[in-house]
Structure formats: C-alpha cells, structure tokens
Amino acid sequence: VQLQASGGGLVQAGGSLRLSCAASGRTFSTYSMGWFRQAPGKEREFVGGITWSGLTTFYADSVKGRFTISRDNAKNTVYLQMNSLKPDDTAVYYCAADTIASTIHRLGRSPSQYDYWGKGTLVTVSS
C-alpha cells in the first residue's frame, strides 16, 4: 500500500484547508484510515480516523467539531476537512492505513496500530 497526502499549505487562523490522501492497491476499501500530525519538537499525535465503510469517524478532542474525515472508496482517497484552523494546528500531517482494524473492530488512535504511512504534507496556520 502506498499513500500520498496532499493539500497542505499556508492559511490564516480561522481559515480552512482540505487534505487528501490517495492510496494505491485494490484493498483500500478494507482498511481503516487515520490522520496524524507532528509539530516541530513534538511527538506524532492522532487527529482522527475513519472505518473502512466510512460509517464511523473518531477524533482527537483538540479537533472535534472543527475537522471532518471522509473517504471515497471508489477513488481510493480519504480526506481531512479542516475548518476554524488555529496556529496550534500547524504541523506536518500524515495519513496512515490500519489494515487489520476491520477484523478486530479497532478504532486505532496510536501510531503503532497503523501499518502503512504516507509522506506528510505541511500545514502552517498563521495568527
């Protein structure tokens, strides 16, 4: 599985961005997908996730109500819509695939639960 995140950039506080993560492979629709972020000098942290069907999404408290994850399995793509952005949201954002989540009914929030990672995309929010 190869993942490629895109859509990052510079935005003012209060603005919006939509990140995309394109996946290769025919089994994308069976994977749960997650978004993580890593700010300079900080550990990688969970942002949100979506189950293989798209029926369940789950978020970190810091982004709940502002960020929305969705997916289009026909396009092998998962999205992260980010609204009301804050300077604290500045980070490199990564998408990741949890290939066994559907078989064990897991809503993964730890980086160690994800098997494949894309290269990140930088989001910078100016104040």
C-alpha atoms as a PDB file:
ATOM      1  CA  VAL A   1       0.000   0.000   0.000  1.00  0.00           C
ATOM      2  CA  GLN A   2       1.326   3.393  -0.956  1.00  0.00           C
ATOM      3  CA  LEU A   3      -0.177   6.544   0.472  1.00  0.00           C
ATOM      4  CA  GLN A   4       0.310  10.105  -0.685  1.00  0.00           C
ATOM      5  CA  ALA A   5      -1.011  13.055   1.259  1.00  0.00           C
ATOM      6  CA  SER A   6      -1.525  16.432  -0.376  1.00  0.00           C
ATOM      7  CA  GLY A   7      -3.306  19.714   0.112  1.00  0.00           C
ATOM      8  CA  GLY A   8      -1.218  21.354   2.773  1.00  0.00           C
ATOM      9  CA  GLY A   9      -0.247  24.979   2.689  1.00  0.00           C
ATOM     10  CA  LEU A  10      -0.277  28.297   4.471  1.00  0.00           C
ATOM     11  CA  VAL A  11      -3.576  29.587   5.827  1.00  0.00           C
ATOM     12  CA  GLN A  12      -4.622  32.301   8.234  1.00  0.00           C
ATOM     13  CA  ALA A  13      -6.163  31.473  11.561  1.00  0.00           C
ATOM     14  CA  GLY A  14      -9.860  30.832  11.147  1.00  0.00           C
ATOM     15  CA  GLY A  15      -9.399  29.562   7.633  1.00  0.00           C
ATOM     16  CA  SER A  16      -9.923  26.137   6.098  1.00  0.00           C
ATOM     17  CA  LEU A  17      -7.959  23.524   4.207  1.00  0.00           C
ATOM     18  CA  ARG A  18      -8.814  20.120   2.824  1.00  0.00           C
ATOM     19  CA  LEU A  19      -6.167  17.443   2.801  1.00  0.00           C
ATOM     20  CA  SER A  20      -6.355  14.419   0.560  1.00  0.00           C
ATOM     21  CA  CYS A  21      -4.676  11.047   0.845  1.00  0.00           C
ATOM     22  CA  ALA A  22      -4.557   8.903  -2.264  1.00  0.00           C
ATOM     23  CA  ALA A  23      -3.908   5.201  -1.832  1.00  0.00           C
ATOM     24  CA  SER A  24      -2.721   2.546  -4.213  1.00  0.00           C
ATOM     25  CA  GLY A  25      -3.992  -1.009  -4.213  1.00  0.00           C
ATOM     26  CA  ARG A  26      -7.284  -2.793  -4.548  1.00  0.00           C
ATOM     27  CA  THR A  27      -7.829  -3.395  -0.852  1.00  0.00           C
ATOM     28  CA  PHE A  28      -8.063   0.235   0.244  1.00  0.00           C
ATOM     29  CA  SER A  29     -11.759  -0.181   0.933  1.00  0.00           C
ATOM     30  CA  THR A  30     -11.000  -2.761   3.625  1.00  0.00           C
ATOM     31  CA  TYR A  31      -8.691  -0.518   5.653  1.00  0.00           C
ATOM     32  CA  SER A  32      -9.449   1.926   8.386  1.00  0.00           C
ATOM     33  CA  MET A  33      -7.599   5.156   7.763  1.00  0.00           C
ATOM     34  CA  GLY A  34      -6.151   7.647  10.158  1.00  0.00           C
ATOM     35  CA  TRP A  35      -4.741  11.135  10.120  1.00  0.00           C
ATOM     36  CA  PHE A  36      -1.913  12.110  12.410  1.00  0.00           C
ATOM     37  CA  ARG A  37       0.163  15.228  12.792  1.00  0.00           C
ATOM     38  CA  GLN A  38       3.556  16.155  14.117  1.00  0.00           C
ATOM     39  CA  ALA A  39       4.575  19.635  15.120  1.00  0.00           C
ATOM     40  CA  PRO A  40       8.235  20.626  15.445  1.00  0.00           C
ATOM     41  CA  GLY A  41       9.725  19.188  18.607  1.00  0.00           C
ATOM     42  CA  LYS A  42       6.620  17.207  19.448  1.00  0.00           C
ATOM     43  CA  GLU A  43       5.556  13.614  19.125  1.00  0.00           C
ATOM     44  CA  ARG A  44       3.257  12.440  16.405  1.00  0.00           C
ATOM     45  CA  GLU A  45      -0.335  12.712  17.577  1.00  0.00           C
ATOM     46  CA  PHE A  46      -3.629  11.261  16.486  1.00  0.00           C
ATOM     47  CA  VAL A  47      -6.008  13.618  14.694  1.00  0.00           C
ATOM     48  CA  GLY A  48      -8.840  11.399  13.537  1.00  0.00           C
ATOM     49  CA  GLY A  49      -9.810   8.142  11.896  1.00  0.00           C
ATOM     50  CA  ILE A  50     -12.453   6.549   9.726  1.00  0.00           C
ATOM     51  CA  THR A  51     -13.511   2.939   9.415  1.00  0.00           C
ATOM     52  CA  TRP A  52     -13.360   1.014   6.166  1.00  0.00           C
ATOM     53  CA  SER A  53     -17.022   1.673   5.398  1.00  0.00           C
ATOM     54  CA  GLY A  54     -16.885   5.334   6.281  1.00  0.00           C
ATOM     55  CA  LEU A  55     -19.764   4.875   8.706  1.00  0.00           C
ATOM     56  CA  THR A  56     -17.712   5.616  11.798  1.00  0.00           C
ATOM     57  CA  THR A  57     -15.360   8.523  12.366  1.00  0.00           C
ATOM     58  CA  PHE A  58     -13.493   9.364  15.544  1.00  0.00           C
ATOM     59  CA  TYR A  59     -11.410  12.369  16.500  1.00  0.00           C
ATOM     60  CA  ALA A  60      -8.991  13.779  18.982  1.00  0.00           C
ATOM     61  CA  ASP A  61     -10.642  16.187  21.384  1.00  0.00           C
ATOM     62  CA  SER A  62      -8.452  19.004  20.109  1.00  0.00           C
ATOM     63  CA  VAL A  63     -10.027  18.899  16.650  1.00  0.00           C
ATOM     64  CA  LYS A  64     -13.520  17.602  17.357  1.00  0.00           C
ATOM     65  CA  GLY A  65     -16.119  19.869  15.818  1.00  0.00           C
ATOM     66  CA  ARG A  66     -13.584  21.545  13.544  1.00  0.00           C
ATOM     67  CA  PHE A  67     -12.170  18.687  11.466  1.00  0.00           C
ATOM     68  CA  THR A  68     -14.088  16.135   9.417  1.00  0.00           C
ATOM     69  CA  ILE A  69     -12.787  12.936   7.877  1.00  0.00           C
ATOM     70  CA  SER A  70     -14.427  11.303   4.885  1.00  0.00           C
ATOM     71  CA  ARG A  71     -13.476   8.764   2.266  1.00  0.00           C
ATOM     72  CA  ASP A  72     -14.328   7.787  -1.271  1.00  0.00           C
ATOM     73  CA  ASN A  73     -13.510   4.135  -1.737  1.00  0.00           C
ATOM     74  CA  ALA A  74     -14.189   4.331  -5.458  1.00  0.00           C
ATOM     75  CA  LYS A  75     -11.361   6.848  -5.707  1.00  0.00           C
ATOM     76  CA  ASN A  76      -9.109   5.207  -3.103  1.00  0.00           C
ATOM     77  CA  THR A  77      -8.970   8.530  -1.300  1.00  0.00           C
ATOM     78  CA  VAL A  78      -9.509   9.773   2.224  1.00  0.00           C
ATOM     79  CA  TYR A  79      -9.997  13.425   3.088  1.00  0.00           C
ATOM     80  CA  LEU A  80      -9.452  15.656   6.078  1.00  0.00           C
ATOM     81  CA  GLN A  81     -11.515  18.828   6.016  1.00  0.00           C
ATOM     82  CA  MET A  82     -10.064  21.313   8.478  1.00  0.00           C
ATOM     83  CA  ASN A  83     -12.095  24.351   9.478  1.00  0.00           C
ATOM     84  CA  SER A  84     -11.551  27.100  12.029  1.00  0.00           C
ATOM     85  CA  LEU A  85      -7.843  26.471  11.912  1.00  0.00           C
ATOM     86  CA  LYS A  86      -5.662  27.671  14.758  1.00  0.00           C
ATOM     87  CA  PRO A  87      -1.915  28.330  14.939  1.00  0.00           C
ATOM     88  CA  ASP A  88      -1.668  25.246  17.178  1.00  0.00           C
ATOM     89  CA  ASP A  89      -2.804  23.150  14.210  1.00  0.00           C
ATOM     90  CA  THR A  90       0.485  23.894  12.472  1.00  0.00           C
ATOM     91  CA  ALA A  91       2.191  20.577  11.784  1.00  0.00           C
ATOM     92  CA  VAL A  92       3.108  18.023   9.186  1.00  0.00           C
ATOM     93  CA  TYR A  93       0.014  15.922   8.586  1.00  0.00           C
ATOM     94  CA  TYR A  94       0.250  12.229   7.750  1.00  0.00           C
ATOM     95  CA  CYS A  95      -2.290   9.692   6.586  1.00  0.00           C
ATOM     96  CA  ALA A  96      -1.974   6.074   7.582  1.00  0.00           C
ATOM     97  CA  ALA A  97      -3.693   2.746   6.988  1.00  0.00           C
ATOM     98  CA  ASP A  98      -4.734   0.231   9.631  1.00  0.00           C
ATOM     99  CA  THR A  99      -5.046  -2.959   7.642  1.00  0.00           C
ATOM    100  CA  ILE A 100      -6.492  -5.175  10.359  1.00  0.00           C
ATOM    101  CA  ALA A 101      -8.883  -2.768  12.037  1.00  0.00           C
ATOM    102  CA  SER A 102     -11.947  -4.238  10.347  1.00  0.00           C
ATOM    103  CA  THR A 103     -11.161  -7.787  11.502  1.00  0.00           C
ATOM    104  CA  ILE A 104     -10.639  -6.866  15.143  1.00  0.00           C
ATOM    105  CA  HIS A 105     -13.116  -3.983  15.337  1.00  0.00           C
ATOM    106  CA  ARG A 106     -10.473  -1.485  16.328  1.00  0.00           C
ATOM    107  CA  LEU A 107     -10.643   2.300  16.315  1.00  0.00           C
ATOM    108  CA  GLY A 108      -6.955   2.952  16.371  1.00  0.00           C
ATOM    109  CA  ARG A 109      -5.572   6.081  17.979  1.00  0.00           C
ATOM    110  CA  SER A 110      -1.954   5.062  18.332  1.00  0.00           C
ATOM    111  CA  PRO A 111       0.625   5.348  15.537  1.00  0.00           C
ATOM    112  CA  SER A 112       1.748   1.806  16.334  1.00  0.00           C
ATOM    113  CA  GLN A 113      -1.643   0.481  15.236  1.00  0.00           C
ATOM    114  CA  TYR A 114      -1.144   1.693  11.681  1.00  0.00           C
ATOM    115  CA  ASP A 115       0.820  -0.331   9.165  1.00  0.00           C
ATOM    116  CA  TYR A 116       1.365   1.999   6.243  1.00  0.00           C
ATOM    117  CA  TRP A 117       2.201   5.674   6.194  1.00  0.00           C
ATOM    118  CA  GLY A 118       2.350   8.316   3.567  1.00  0.00           C
ATOM    119  CA  LYS A 119       4.766  11.183   3.362  1.00  0.00           C
ATOM    120  CA  GLY A 120       3.375  14.131   5.186  1.00  0.00           C
ATOM    121  CA  THR A 121       2.038  17.418   3.978  1.00  0.00           C
ATOM    122  CA  LEU A 122       2.826  20.630   5.830  1.00  0.00           C
ATOM    123  CA  VAL A 123       0.040  22.793   7.201  1.00  0.00           C
ATOM    124  CA  THR A 124       1.009  26.207   8.522  1.00  0.00           C
ATOM    125  CA  VAL A 125      -1.565  28.385  10.246  1.00  0.00           C
ATOM    126  CA  SER A 126      -0.583  31.988  10.756  1.00  0.00           C
ATOM    127  CA  SER A 127      -2.007  34.147  13.517  1.00  0.00           C
END
